[in-house]
N, C-alpha and C. Protein backbone atom coordinates (compact mmCIF):
# COMPACT_ATOMS: atom_id res chain seq x y z
N UNK A 1 0.77 -1.18 -0.12
CA UNK A 1 -0.06 -0.04 -0.15
C UNK A 1 0.95 1.33 -0.03
N UNK A 2 0.48 2.05 -1.08
CA UNK A 2 1.26 3.35 -0.95
C UNK A 2 0.50 4.60 -0.42
N UNK A 3 1.29 5.40 0.10
CA UNK A 3 0.59 6.40 0.69
C UNK A 3 1.01 7.83 -0.13
N UNK A 4 0.34 8.44 -0.75
CA UNK A 4 0.53 9.59 -1.49
C UNK A 4 0.35 10.98 -0.88
N UNK A 5 1.36 11.76 -1.03
CA UNK A 5 1.55 13.00 -0.33
C UNK A 5 1.52 14.24 -1.42
N UNK A 6 0.57 15.13 -1.59
CA UNK A 6 0.58 16.00 -2.23
C UNK A 6 1.11 17.67 -1.77
N UNK A 7 1.66 17.99 -2.10
CA UNK A 7 1.84 19.74 -0.93
C UNK A 7 2.13 20.73 -1.96
N UNK A 8 1.36 21.89 -1.69
CA UNK A 8 1.53 22.96 -2.57
C UNK A 8 1.71 24.11 -1.58
N UNK A 9 2.68 25.14 -2.04
CA UNK A 9 3.05 26.01 -1.00
C UNK A 9 2.78 27.69 -1.91
N UNK A 10 2.46 28.61 -1.47
CA UNK A 10 2.32 29.56 -2.29
C UNK A 10 3.34 30.86 -1.30
N UNK A 11 3.48 30.34 -0.52
CA UNK A 11 4.86 30.86 0.41
C UNK A 11 6.10 30.15 0.72
N UNK A 12 7.13 30.57 0.72
CA UNK A 12 8.40 29.84 0.92
C UNK A 12 8.48 28.96 2.09
N UNK A 13 8.71 27.52 2.00
CA UNK A 13 8.33 27.02 3.05
C UNK A 13 9.71 26.13 3.07
N UNK A 14 9.87 24.73 3.90
CA UNK A 14 11.19 23.99 3.94
C UNK A 14 10.77 22.89 4.87
N UNK A 15 11.76 21.79 4.76
CA UNK A 15 11.36 20.48 5.26
C UNK A 15 12.48 19.78 5.26
N UNK A 16 12.62 19.13 6.35
CA UNK A 16 14.09 18.08 6.78
C UNK A 16 13.74 16.77 7.06
N UNK A 17 14.56 15.76 6.25
CA UNK A 17 13.81 14.60 6.76
C UNK A 17 15.73 14.01 6.64
N UNK A 18 15.70 12.60 7.34
CA UNK A 18 17.23 11.76 7.60
C UNK A 18 16.83 10.58 6.54
N UNK A 19 18.01 10.42 5.86
CA UNK A 19 18.09 9.39 5.01
C UNK A 19 19.77 8.64 4.88
N UNK A 20 19.76 7.48 4.98
CA UNK A 20 21.19 7.46 4.83
C UNK A 20 21.98 7.86 6.22
N UNK A 21 21.13 8.18 7.18
CA UNK A 21 21.88 9.01 8.43
C UNK A 21 22.30 10.18 8.03
N UNK A 22 21.73 10.74 6.75
CA UNK A 22 22.29 11.80 6.47
C UNK A 22 21.00 13.19 6.39
N UNK A 23 21.51 14.17 6.94
CA UNK A 23 20.30 15.14 6.96
C UNK A 23 20.00 15.79 5.64
N UNK A 24 18.69 16.10 5.35
CA UNK A 24 18.72 16.97 4.21
C UNK A 24 17.68 18.06 4.02
N UNK A 25 18.05 19.14 3.54
CA UNK A 25 17.03 20.31 3.99
C UNK A 25 16.46 20.19 2.63
N UNK A 26 15.22 20.91 2.35
CA UNK A 26 14.91 21.68 0.96
C UNK A 26 14.02 22.80 1.15
N UNK A 27 13.83 23.62 0.05
CA UNK A 27 12.72 24.70 0.43
C UNK A 27 12.55 24.93 -1.26
N UNK A 28 11.58 25.28 -1.41
CA UNK A 28 10.72 26.07 -2.87
C UNK A 28 9.52 26.65 -2.45
N UNK A 29 8.97 27.31 -3.88
CA UNK A 29 7.92 28.07 -3.57
C UNK A 29 6.54 27.03 -3.71
N UNK A 30 6.87 25.72 -4.58
CA UNK A 30 5.94 24.98 -4.92
C UNK A 30 6.41 23.48 -4.29
N UNK A 31 5.72 22.67 -3.88
CA UNK A 31 6.36 21.14 -3.73
C UNK A 31 5.31 20.22 -3.77
N UNK A 32 5.47 19.23 -4.66
CA UNK A 32 4.46 17.80 -4.85
C UNK A 32 5.27 16.71 -4.83
N UNK A 33 4.50 15.38 -4.33
CA UNK A 33 5.42 14.19 -4.08
C UNK A 33 4.62 13.30 -3.60
N UNK A 34 5.53 11.93 -3.80
CA UNK A 34 4.57 10.78 -3.25
C UNK A 34 5.58 10.06 -2.58
N UNK A 35 5.28 9.29 -1.47
CA UNK A 35 6.45 7.80 -1.09
C UNK A 35 5.60 6.75 -1.10
N UNK A 36 6.48 5.79 -1.07
CA UNK A 36 5.88 4.04 -1.35
C UNK A 36 7.15 3.50 -0.98
N UNK A 37 6.62 2.31 -0.76
CA UNK A 37 7.66 1.11 -0.06
C UNK A 37 8.82 0.97 -0.90
N UNK A 38 9.09 1.20 -2.14
CA UNK A 38 10.40 0.80 -2.88
C UNK A 38 10.82 2.35 -3.58
N UNK A 39 10.02 3.52 -3.51
CA UNK A 39 10.49 4.84 -4.15
C UNK A 39 9.94 5.62 -3.58
N UNK A 40 10.55 6.81 -3.31
CA UNK A 40 9.86 8.26 -2.87
C UNK A 40 10.12 9.31 -4.27
N UNK A 41 9.57 10.00 -4.17
CA UNK A 41 9.64 11.17 -5.34
C UNK A 41 9.34 12.68 -4.79
N UNK A 42 10.17 13.53 -4.48
CA UNK A 42 9.52 14.73 -4.54
C UNK A 42 9.85 16.05 -5.72
N UNK A 43 9.22 16.71 -5.89
CA UNK A 43 9.18 17.81 -7.17
C UNK A 43 9.35 19.37 -6.35
N UNK A 44 10.42 19.86 -6.61
CA UNK A 44 10.31 21.17 -6.12
C UNK A 44 10.40 22.46 -7.23
N UNK A 45 9.43 23.07 -7.30
CA UNK A 45 9.55 24.14 -8.36
C UNK A 45 9.38 25.63 -7.62
N UNK A 46 10.43 26.63 -8.56
CA UNK A 46 10.33 27.83 -8.09
C UNK A 46 11.62 28.03 -6.87
N UNK A 47 12.39 29.09 -7.28
CA UNK A 47 13.21 28.95 -6.12
C UNK A 47 13.87 28.11 -5.29
N UNK A 48 13.96 26.76 -5.67
CA UNK A 48 14.24 25.23 -5.24
C UNK A 48 15.75 25.78 -4.94
N UNK A 49 15.78 24.70 -3.87
CA UNK A 49 16.83 24.64 -2.88
C UNK A 49 16.98 23.67 -2.03
N UNK A 50 18.14 22.84 -2.50
CA UNK A 50 18.60 21.53 -1.47
C UNK A 50 19.97 21.74 -0.78
N UNK A 51 19.86 21.07 0.27
CA UNK A 51 21.30 20.98 1.00
C UNK A 51 21.63 19.44 1.58
N UNK A 52 22.52 18.98 1.23
CA UNK A 52 23.03 17.82 1.99
C UNK A 52 24.27 17.69 2.35
N UNK A 53 24.77 16.71 3.23
CA UNK A 53 26.12 16.82 3.81
C UNK A 53 27.15 17.23 3.02
N UNK A 54 26.69 17.08 1.48
CA UNK A 54 27.91 17.56 0.85
C UNK A 54 27.84 18.37 -0.05
N UNK A 55 26.49 18.54 -0.80
CA UNK A 55 26.08 19.52 -1.55
C UNK A 55 24.96 20.38 -1.38
N UNK A 56 24.97 21.48 -1.87
CA UNK A 56 24.01 22.40 -1.62
C UNK A 56 23.93 22.73 -3.19
N UNK A 57 22.50 22.47 -3.54
CA UNK A 57 22.20 23.00 -5.03
C UNK A 57 21.22 23.97 -4.83
N UNK A 58 21.10 24.99 -5.72
CA UNK A 58 19.64 25.98 -6.13
C UNK A 58 19.72 25.78 -7.56
N UNK A 59 18.17 25.87 -7.79
CA UNK A 59 17.92 25.94 -9.38
C UNK A 59 16.47 26.32 -9.44
N UNK A 60 16.11 26.31 -10.59
CA UNK A 60 14.12 26.70 -11.02
C UNK A 60 13.83 25.12 -10.18
N UNK A 61 14.03 24.10 -10.65
CA UNK A 61 13.47 22.58 -10.40
C UNK A 61 14.23 21.89 -10.01
N UNK A 62 13.91 21.11 -9.15
CA UNK A 62 14.42 20.01 -8.27
C UNK A 62 13.97 18.98 -7.91
N UNK A 63 14.57 17.50 -8.74
CA UNK A 63 13.68 16.57 -8.13
C UNK A 63 14.35 15.39 -7.72
N UNK A 64 13.73 15.03 -6.74
CA UNK A 64 14.22 13.98 -5.73
C UNK A 64 13.48 12.56 -5.76
N UNK A 65 14.14 11.64 -5.95
CA UNK A 65 13.67 10.20 -6.53
C UNK A 65 14.76 9.25 -5.76
N UNK A 66 13.73 7.78 -6.47
CA UNK A 66 14.30 6.64 -5.67
C UNK A 66 14.33 6.46 -4.31
N UNK A 67 14.82 5.35 -3.78
CA UNK A 67 14.63 4.49 -2.56
C UNK A 67 14.97 5.37 -1.45
N UNK A 68 14.45 5.97 -0.55
CA UNK A 68 15.19 7.67 0.28
C UNK A 68 15.88 8.27 -0.26
N UNK A 69 15.23 8.58 -1.37
CA UNK A 69 15.49 9.94 -2.39
C UNK A 69 16.94 9.85 -2.61
N UNK A 70 17.62 8.72 -3.45
CA UNK A 70 19.09 8.47 -3.67
C UNK A 70 19.32 9.43 -4.81
N UNK A 71 18.49 9.84 -5.71
CA UNK A 71 18.67 10.76 -6.99
C UNK A 71 18.20 11.99 -6.88
N UNK A 72 19.04 12.84 -6.94
CA UNK A 72 18.85 14.24 -7.17
C UNK A 72 18.95 14.88 -8.83
N UNK A 73 17.96 15.51 -9.01
CA UNK A 73 17.97 16.17 -10.29
C UNK A 73 17.85 17.63 -10.42
N UNK A 74 18.42 18.51 -11.06
CA UNK A 74 17.86 19.67 -10.70
C UNK A 74 18.43 20.31 -12.52
N UNK A 75 17.61 21.16 -12.81
CA UNK A 75 17.54 21.98 -13.94
C UNK A 75 16.97 23.32 -14.12
N UNK A 76 17.70 24.55 -15.14
CA UNK A 76 17.28 25.73 -14.96
C UNK A 76 18.09 26.62 -13.91
N UNK A 77 18.96 27.24 -14.48
CA UNK A 77 19.80 27.81 -13.82
C UNK A 77 20.66 27.59 -12.43
N UNK A 78 21.41 26.15 -12.59
CA UNK A 78 21.38 25.52 -11.55
C UNK A 78 22.87 26.02 -10.85
N UNK A 79 23.02 26.31 -9.89
CA UNK A 79 24.26 26.63 -9.06
C UNK A 79 24.39 26.03 -7.76
N UNK A 80 25.44 26.13 -7.47
CA UNK A 80 25.59 25.58 -5.66
C UNK A 80 27.63 25.50 -5.64
N UNK A 81 27.61 24.60 -4.19
CA UNK A 81 28.66 24.28 -4.46
C UNK A 81 28.88 23.08 -3.34
N UNK A 82 30.03 22.47 -3.75
CA UNK A 82 30.25 21.07 -3.00
C UNK A 82 31.32 21.30 -1.91
N UNK A 83 30.85 20.96 -0.67
CA UNK A 83 31.33 21.73 0.54
C UNK A 83 33.04 21.02 0.58
N UNK A 84 32.93 19.63 0.94
CA UNK A 84 34.36 18.94 1.25
C UNK A 84 34.89 19.18 -0.23
N UNK A 85 34.85 19.16 -1.41
CA UNK A 85 35.39 19.23 -2.55
C UNK A 85 35.84 20.91 -2.79
N UNK A 86 35.63 21.73 -1.93
CA UNK A 86 35.55 23.05 -2.14
C UNK A 86 35.66 23.80 -3.42
N UNK A 87 34.24 23.75 -3.97
CA UNK A 87 34.01 24.41 -5.25
C UNK A 87 32.90 24.96 -5.46
N UNK A 88 32.67 25.73 -6.07
CA UNK A 88 31.28 26.30 -6.67
C UNK A 88 31.23 25.99 -8.16
N UNK A 89 29.75 25.51 -8.54
CA UNK A 89 29.61 25.13 -9.86
C UNK A 89 28.18 26.08 -10.35
N UNK A 90 27.93 26.01 -11.49
CA UNK A 90 26.83 26.55 -12.51
C UNK A 90 26.65 25.92 -13.81
N UNK A 91 25.43 25.49 -13.78
CA UNK A 91 25.09 24.58 -15.24
C UNK A 91 24.11 24.64 -15.60
N UNK A 92 23.38 24.10 -16.62
CA UNK A 92 22.44 23.94 -17.17
C UNK A 92 21.41 22.72 -16.54
N UNK A 93 21.86 22.00 -16.31
CA UNK A 93 21.38 20.49 -15.64
C UNK A 93 22.44 19.72 -14.65
N UNK A 94 21.79 19.23 -13.78
CA UNK A 94 22.66 18.26 -12.75
C UNK A 94 21.82 16.89 -12.16
N UNK A 95 22.56 16.03 -12.04
CA UNK A 95 22.00 14.95 -11.57
C UNK A 95 23.09 14.63 -10.52
N UNK A 96 22.43 13.71 -9.28
CA UNK A 96 23.42 13.74 -8.55
C UNK A 96 23.11 12.31 -7.68
N UNK A 97 23.85 11.04 -7.76
CA UNK A 97 23.56 9.71 -6.92
C UNK A 97 24.22 9.89 -5.52
N UNK A 98 23.45 9.89 -4.62
CA UNK A 98 23.83 9.94 -3.02
C UNK A 98 24.40 8.95 -2.71
N UNK A 99 24.35 7.57 -3.46
CA UNK A 99 25.01 6.26 -3.20
C UNK A 99 26.53 6.23 -3.94
N UNK A 100 26.50 6.33 -5.24
CA UNK A 100 27.52 6.29 -5.95
C UNK A 100 28.69 7.37 -5.53
N UNK A 101 27.87 8.86 -5.30
CA UNK A 101 28.67 10.11 -4.68
C UNK A 101 29.38 10.46 -5.98
N UNK A 102 28.58 10.24 -7.22
CA UNK A 102 28.92 10.63 -8.66
C UNK A 102 28.03 11.53 -8.90
N UNK A 103 28.54 13.12 -9.56
CA UNK A 103 27.56 14.18 -9.77
C UNK A 103 27.88 14.52 -11.14
N UNK A 104 26.80 14.66 -11.98
CA UNK A 104 26.83 15.10 -13.97
C UNK A 104 26.26 16.40 -14.07
N UNK A 105 27.22 17.22 -14.40
CA UNK A 105 27.08 18.49 -14.81
C UNK A 105 26.99 18.73 -16.14
N UNK A 106 25.72 19.18 -16.62
CA UNK A 106 25.51 19.32 -18.33
C UNK A 106 24.91 20.83 -18.85
N UNK A 107 25.61 20.97 -20.01
CA UNK A 107 25.40 22.16 -20.44
C UNK A 107 25.94 23.56 -20.06
N UNK A 108 26.99 24.31 -20.43
CA UNK A 108 27.57 25.19 -20.14
C UNK A 108 27.99 25.33 -18.78
N UNK A 109 28.69 24.42 -18.49
CA UNK A 109 29.13 24.00 -17.07
C UNK A 109 30.27 25.09 -16.59
N UNK A 110 30.37 25.83 -15.30
CA UNK A 110 31.46 26.41 -14.97
C UNK A 110 31.99 26.07 -13.48
N UNK A 111 33.03 25.55 -13.31
CA UNK A 111 33.46 25.22 -11.89
C UNK A 111 34.36 26.10 -11.42
N UNK A 112 34.46 26.48 -10.03
CA UNK A 112 35.33 27.44 -9.67
C UNK A 112 36.04 26.60 -8.24
N UNK A 113 37.17 26.59 -8.38
CA UNK A 113 38.12 25.80 -7.52
C UNK A 113 38.87 26.89 -6.80
N UNK A 114 37.98 27.70 -5.64
CA UNK A 114 39.20 28.37 -5.40
C UNK A 114 40.39 28.16 -4.29
N UNK A 115 40.20 26.64 -3.76
CA UNK A 115 41.59 26.55 -3.32
C UNK A 115 42.80 26.42 -4.12
N UNK A 116 42.56 25.89 -5.11
CA UNK A 116 43.61 25.65 -6.41
C UNK A 116 43.68 27.06 -7.61
N UNK A 117 42.89 28.22 -7.17
CA UNK A 117 42.69 29.20 -7.97
C UNK A 117 42.35 28.47 -9.15
N UNK A 118 41.59 27.79 -9.56
CA UNK A 118 41.30 27.20 -10.94
C UNK A 118 39.48 27.79 -11.32
N UNK A 119 39.69 28.08 -12.68
CA UNK A 119 38.39 28.29 -12.99
C UNK A 119 38.00 27.19 -14.46
N UNK A 120 37.12 26.38 -14.36
CA UNK A 120 37.25 25.32 -15.31
C UNK A 120 35.63 25.38 -15.77
N UNK A 121 35.29 25.51 -17.42
CA UNK A 121 34.26 25.45 -18.37
C UNK A 121 34.46 24.35 -19.38
N UNK A 122 33.34 23.70 -19.38
CA UNK A 122 33.40 22.68 -20.80
C UNK A 122 31.71 22.38 -20.43
N UNK A 123 31.23 21.42 -21.56
CA UNK A 123 29.81 21.19 -21.86
C UNK A 123 29.36 20.13 -20.85
N UNK A 124 30.14 19.26 -20.52
CA UNK A 124 29.91 18.09 -19.33
C UNK A 124 30.99 18.02 -18.53
N UNK A 125 30.83 17.63 -17.05
CA UNK A 125 31.76 17.39 -15.91
C UNK A 125 30.78 16.06 -15.28
N UNK A 126 31.86 15.32 -15.07
CA UNK A 126 31.39 14.20 -14.33
C UNK A 126 32.43 14.18 -12.89
N UNK A 127 31.73 14.48 -11.57
CA UNK A 127 32.80 14.50 -10.90
C UNK A 127 32.30 13.45 -9.71
N UNK A 128 33.37 12.59 -9.28
CA UNK A 128 33.35 11.31 -8.60
C UNK A 128 33.86 12.42 -7.06
N UNK A 129 33.21 12.20 -5.85
CA UNK A 129 33.47 12.86 -4.90
C UNK A 129 34.61 11.84 -4.09
N UNK A 130 34.16 10.47 -4.19
CA UNK A 130 34.90 9.59 -3.34
C UNK A 130 36.45 9.70 -4.03
N UNK A 131 37.21 9.85 -5.04
CA UNK A 131 38.26 10.02 -5.62
C UNK A 131 38.74 11.46 -5.72
N UNK A 132 37.98 12.37 -6.01
CA UNK A 132 37.90 13.80 -5.99
C UNK A 132 38.46 13.58 -7.22
N UNK A 133 37.95 13.56 -8.69
CA UNK A 133 38.23 13.32 -9.90
C UNK A 133 37.05 13.90 -10.59
N UNK A 134 37.32 14.74 -11.50
CA UNK A 134 36.29 15.28 -12.38
C UNK A 134 36.78 15.17 -13.81
N UNK A 135 35.58 14.44 -14.78
CA UNK A 135 36.10 14.03 -16.17
C UNK A 135 35.37 15.53 -17.08
N UNK A 136 36.13 15.74 -17.63
CA UNK A 136 35.49 17.14 -18.47
C UNK A 136 35.51 16.86 -19.92
N UNK A 137 34.46 17.25 -20.82
CA UNK A 137 34.59 16.92 -21.99
C UNK A 137 33.34 18.21 -22.54
N UNK A 138 34.00 18.45 -23.73
CA UNK A 138 33.69 19.01 -25.05
C UNK A 138 34.02 20.75 -24.63
N UNK A 139 34.52 21.03 -25.23
CA UNK A 139 34.86 22.84 -25.08
C UNK A 139 35.50 23.11 -23.90
N UNK A 140 36.51 22.24 -23.43
CA UNK A 140 37.26 22.48 -22.26
C UNK A 140 38.04 23.76 -22.06
N UNK A 141 38.01 24.40 -21.17
CA UNK A 141 38.46 26.17 -21.15
C UNK A 141 39.06 26.16 -19.35
N UNK A 142 40.54 25.81 -19.06
CA UNK A 142 40.63 25.93 -17.83
C UNK A 142 41.76 27.10 -17.45
N UNK A 143 41.32 27.81 -16.37
CA UNK A 143 42.22 28.68 -16.39
C UNK A 143 42.97 28.73 -14.97
N UNK A 144 44.26 29.18 -15.01
CA UNK A 144 45.08 29.17 -13.88
C UNK A 144 45.78 30.01 -14.22
N UNK A 145 45.97 31.56 -13.41
CA UNK A 145 46.82 32.35 -13.11
C UNK A 145 46.69 33.07 -14.96
N UNK A 146 47.92 32.87 -15.34
CA UNK A 146 48.33 33.36 -16.75
C UNK A 146 48.01 32.11 -17.69
N UNK A 147 47.92 30.73 -17.30
CA UNK A 147 47.83 29.53 -18.46
C UNK A 147 46.37 29.48 -18.20
N UNK A 148 45.88 29.31 -19.91
CA UNK A 148 44.83 28.82 -20.44
C UNK A 148 44.76 27.71 -20.89
N UNK A 149 43.97 26.80 -20.04
CA UNK A 149 44.34 25.16 -20.80
C UNK A 149 43.14 24.81 -21.68
N UNK A 150 43.09 24.03 -23.10
CA UNK A 150 41.95 24.17 -23.83
C UNK A 150 42.00 22.66 -24.34
N UNK A 151 40.79 21.65 -24.31
CA UNK A 151 40.90 20.38 -24.99
C UNK A 151 39.42 20.23 -25.32
N UNK A 152 39.46 18.64 -25.93
CA UNK A 152 38.11 18.38 -25.88
C UNK A 152 37.49 17.18 -24.95
N UNK A 153 39.11 16.90 -24.00
CA UNK A 153 38.85 15.98 -22.99
C UNK A 153 39.97 15.93 -22.08
N UNK A 154 39.26 15.90 -20.58
CA UNK A 154 40.40 15.81 -19.67
C UNK A 154 39.65 15.35 -18.43
N UNK A 155 40.91 14.88 -17.68
CA UNK A 155 40.73 14.19 -16.63
C UNK A 155 41.45 15.38 -15.06
N UNK A 156 40.54 16.14 -14.44
CA UNK A 156 41.13 16.68 -13.60
C UNK A 156 41.32 16.16 -11.91
N UNK A 157 42.66 15.68 -11.52
CA UNK A 157 43.04 14.87 -10.38
C UNK A 157 42.82 15.99 -9.35
N UNK A 158 41.77 16.47 -8.47
CA UNK A 158 42.04 17.51 -7.63
C UNK A 158 42.89 17.39 -6.74
N UNK A 159 43.09 16.23 -5.93
CA UNK A 159 43.95 15.80 -4.94
C UNK A 159 45.31 16.01 -5.22
N UNK A 160 45.87 15.54 -6.38
CA UNK A 160 47.43 15.36 -6.74
C UNK A 160 47.34 16.75 -7.78
N UNK A 161 46.31 17.30 -8.19
CA UNK A 161 46.67 18.81 -8.96
C UNK A 161 47.43 18.71 -10.00
N UNK A 162 46.69 17.87 -10.98
CA UNK A 162 46.95 17.61 -12.22
C UNK A 162 45.82 17.78 -13.21
N UNK A 163 46.25 18.19 -14.17
CA UNK A 163 45.14 17.97 -15.46
C UNK A 163 45.66 17.47 -16.40
N UNK A 164 44.76 16.26 -17.02
CA UNK A 164 45.48 15.49 -17.88
C UNK A 164 44.71 15.69 -19.18
N UNK A 165 45.08 16.10 -20.59
CA UNK A 165 44.08 16.70 -21.57
C UNK A 165 44.57 15.69 -22.72
N UNK A 166 43.55 15.55 -23.72
CA UNK A 166 43.82 14.93 -25.06
C UNK A 166 42.86 15.37 -25.55
N UNK A 167 42.67 15.02 -27.14
CA UNK A 167 42.00 15.43 -28.13
C UNK A 167 41.97 17.39 -28.13
N UNK A 168 43.01 17.43 -29.18
CA UNK A 168 43.99 18.50 -29.51
C UNK A 168 44.15 19.95 -28.60
N UNK A 169 44.82 18.96 -27.54
CA UNK A 169 44.92 19.72 -26.45
C UNK A 169 45.85 21.01 -26.31
N UNK A 170 45.69 22.08 -25.45
CA UNK A 170 46.84 23.21 -26.01
C UNK A 170 46.99 24.15 -24.66
N UNK A 171 47.65 24.36 -24.44
CA UNK A 171 48.38 25.32 -23.52
C UNK A 171 48.71 26.56 -23.70
N UNK A 172 48.21 27.74 -23.46
CA UNK A 172 48.57 29.38 -23.71
C UNK A 172 48.77 30.18 -22.65
N UNK A 173 50.17 30.34 -22.49
CA UNK A 173 50.62 31.44 -21.48
C UNK A 173 51.55 32.60 -22.05
N UNK A 174 50.33 33.67 -21.62
CA UNK A 174 50.87 34.67 -22.28
C UNK A 174 51.22 34.85 -24.12
N UNK A 175 52.12 35.02 -24.52
CA UNK A 175 52.89 34.61 -25.90
C UNK A 175 53.05 33.50 -26.21
N UNK A 176 53.18 32.83 -25.61
CA UNK A 176 53.43 30.90 -25.77
C UNK A 176 52.48 30.06 -25.69
N UNK A 177 52.69 29.53 -26.77
CA UNK A 177 51.80 28.12 -27.06
C UNK A 177 52.28 26.99 -27.04
N UNK A 178 51.40 25.75 -26.44
CA UNK A 178 52.15 24.40 -26.39
C UNK A 178 51.25 23.33 -27.02
N UNK A 179 51.48 22.59 -27.96
CA UNK A 179 50.79 21.89 -28.37
C UNK A 179 51.35 20.49 -28.39
N UNK A 180 50.12 19.42 -27.97
CA UNK A 180 50.55 17.77 -28.28
C UNK A 180 49.67 16.64 -28.38
N UNK A 181 49.82 15.83 -28.42
CA UNK A 181 48.42 14.81 -28.31
C UNK A 181 48.10 14.60 -27.24
N UNK A 182 49.05 14.71 -26.42
CA UNK A 182 48.42 14.80 -24.31
C UNK A 182 49.48 15.65 -24.16
N UNK A 183 48.57 16.22 -22.95
CA UNK A 183 49.42 17.55 -22.25
C UNK A 183 49.14 17.17 -20.88
N UNK A 184 49.90 17.16 -19.82
CA UNK A 184 49.63 17.15 -18.51
C UNK A 184 50.11 18.43 -17.72
N UNK A 185 48.76 19.07 -17.20
CA UNK A 185 49.32 20.21 -16.45
C UNK A 185 49.43 20.50 -15.29
N UNK A 186 50.81 20.54 -14.27
CA UNK A 186 50.56 20.56 -12.78
C UNK A 186 49.60 21.75 -12.39
N UNK A 187 48.78 21.81 -11.78
CA UNK A 187 47.76 22.71 -11.47
C UNK A 187 48.66 23.69 -10.24
N UNK A 188 49.69 23.01 -9.87
CA UNK A 188 50.24 23.43 -8.12
C UNK A 188 51.37 24.25 -8.84
N UNK A 189 52.33 23.70 -9.78
CA UNK A 189 53.50 24.41 -9.98
C UNK A 189 53.73 24.98 -11.37
N UNK A 190 52.31 24.75 -12.27
CA UNK A 190 52.13 25.15 -13.86
C UNK A 190 52.86 24.66 -15.03
N UNK A 191 53.83 23.55 -14.39
CA UNK A 191 54.54 22.87 -15.19
C UNK A 191 53.56 21.94 -16.36
N UNK A 192 54.39 21.73 -17.40
CA UNK A 192 53.55 21.14 -18.35
C UNK A 192 54.20 19.92 -18.93
N UNK A 193 53.79 18.85 -19.22
CA UNK A 193 54.37 17.87 -19.37
C UNK A 193 53.62 17.37 -20.88
N UNK A 194 54.63 16.98 -22.11
CA UNK A 194 53.78 16.61 -23.50
C UNK A 194 54.16 15.57 -23.83
N UNK A 195 53.22 14.70 -24.92
CA UNK A 195 53.72 13.67 -25.44
C UNK A 195 53.00 13.54 -26.48
N UNK A 196 53.64 13.31 -27.86
CA UNK A 196 53.30 12.90 -28.94
C UNK A 196 52.92 13.97 -30.01
N UNK A 197 53.68 14.42 -31.33
CA UNK A 197 53.64 15.61 -32.17
C UNK A 197 53.57 16.75 -31.06
N UNK A 198 54.74 16.95 -30.59
CA UNK A 198 54.80 18.07 -29.69
C UNK A 198 55.03 19.37 -30.73
N UNK A 199 54.08 20.66 -30.45
CA UNK A 199 54.52 21.68 -31.34
C UNK A 199 54.50 22.76 -30.22
N UNK A 200 54.98 23.89 -30.37
CA UNK A 200 55.16 25.07 -29.53
C UNK A 200 55.71 26.22 -30.14
N UNK A 201 55.21 27.42 -29.43
CA UNK A 201 55.59 28.68 -29.86
C UNK A 201 56.13 29.52 -28.33
N UNK A 202 57.39 29.81 -28.39
CA UNK A 202 57.73 30.41 -27.06
C UNK A 202 58.42 32.12 -27.66
N UNK A 203 58.31 33.15 -27.00
CA UNK A 203 58.84 34.18 -27.22
C UNK A 203 59.82 34.50 -26.18
N UNK A 204 60.75 35.29 -26.65
CA UNK A 204 61.95 35.66 -25.98
C UNK A 204 61.84 36.83 -25.34
N UNK A 205 61.68 37.26 -24.20
CA UNK A 205 61.11 38.46 -23.72
C UNK A 205 62.32 39.41 -23.78
N UNK A 206 63.43 38.81 -23.69
CA UNK A 206 64.65 39.67 -24.06
C UNK A 206 65.10 40.06 -25.52
N UNK A 207 64.47 39.42 -26.44
CA UNK A 207 64.47 39.80 -27.60
C UNK A 207 64.50 41.27 -28.16
N UNK A 208 65.51 41.78 -28.48
CA UNK A 208 65.10 43.19 -28.87
C UNK A 208 65.72 44.24 -27.75
């Protein structure tokens, strides 16, 4: 037997609950949902916000589904921050699995890692909070001080502070340009390691 609950709020409202021994709070202008033996579902609309132990998410619409609200899906002007990871994010769509701890960010994604002074942009980012690794795809643009890294595919290893790039990777630093089949960029030291069809252009600052 399923119990169905539907809530509608014309003013700001909030609710807290526990699942997986994790406290989750959420709020919105409008909320609807149902609860069952094998699956729960809640939809938040208008000024929606949800906070878990790891993630704070804001969006036009947020949906929680699955057993004990395992899955979180957000769309429309999505923004927020990952508390332990120490970064802010912005995108058009986000999905998050609270069990696998994997977040998928899609559409004009921007990630700001203040700790490492990095701003990364791409069309798709998959972030695994268990190993602190982000996989970036399509239209990648990562900035660190004067260095600008571009590629079609990259793996950002946040703990080891390494960016591994492929798919026409390039690093531009002022007037200098570096290209190769694969490039590893050290976020901490800004050192560049290149492999395969290496090309570059370096300007002598003392020339003339």
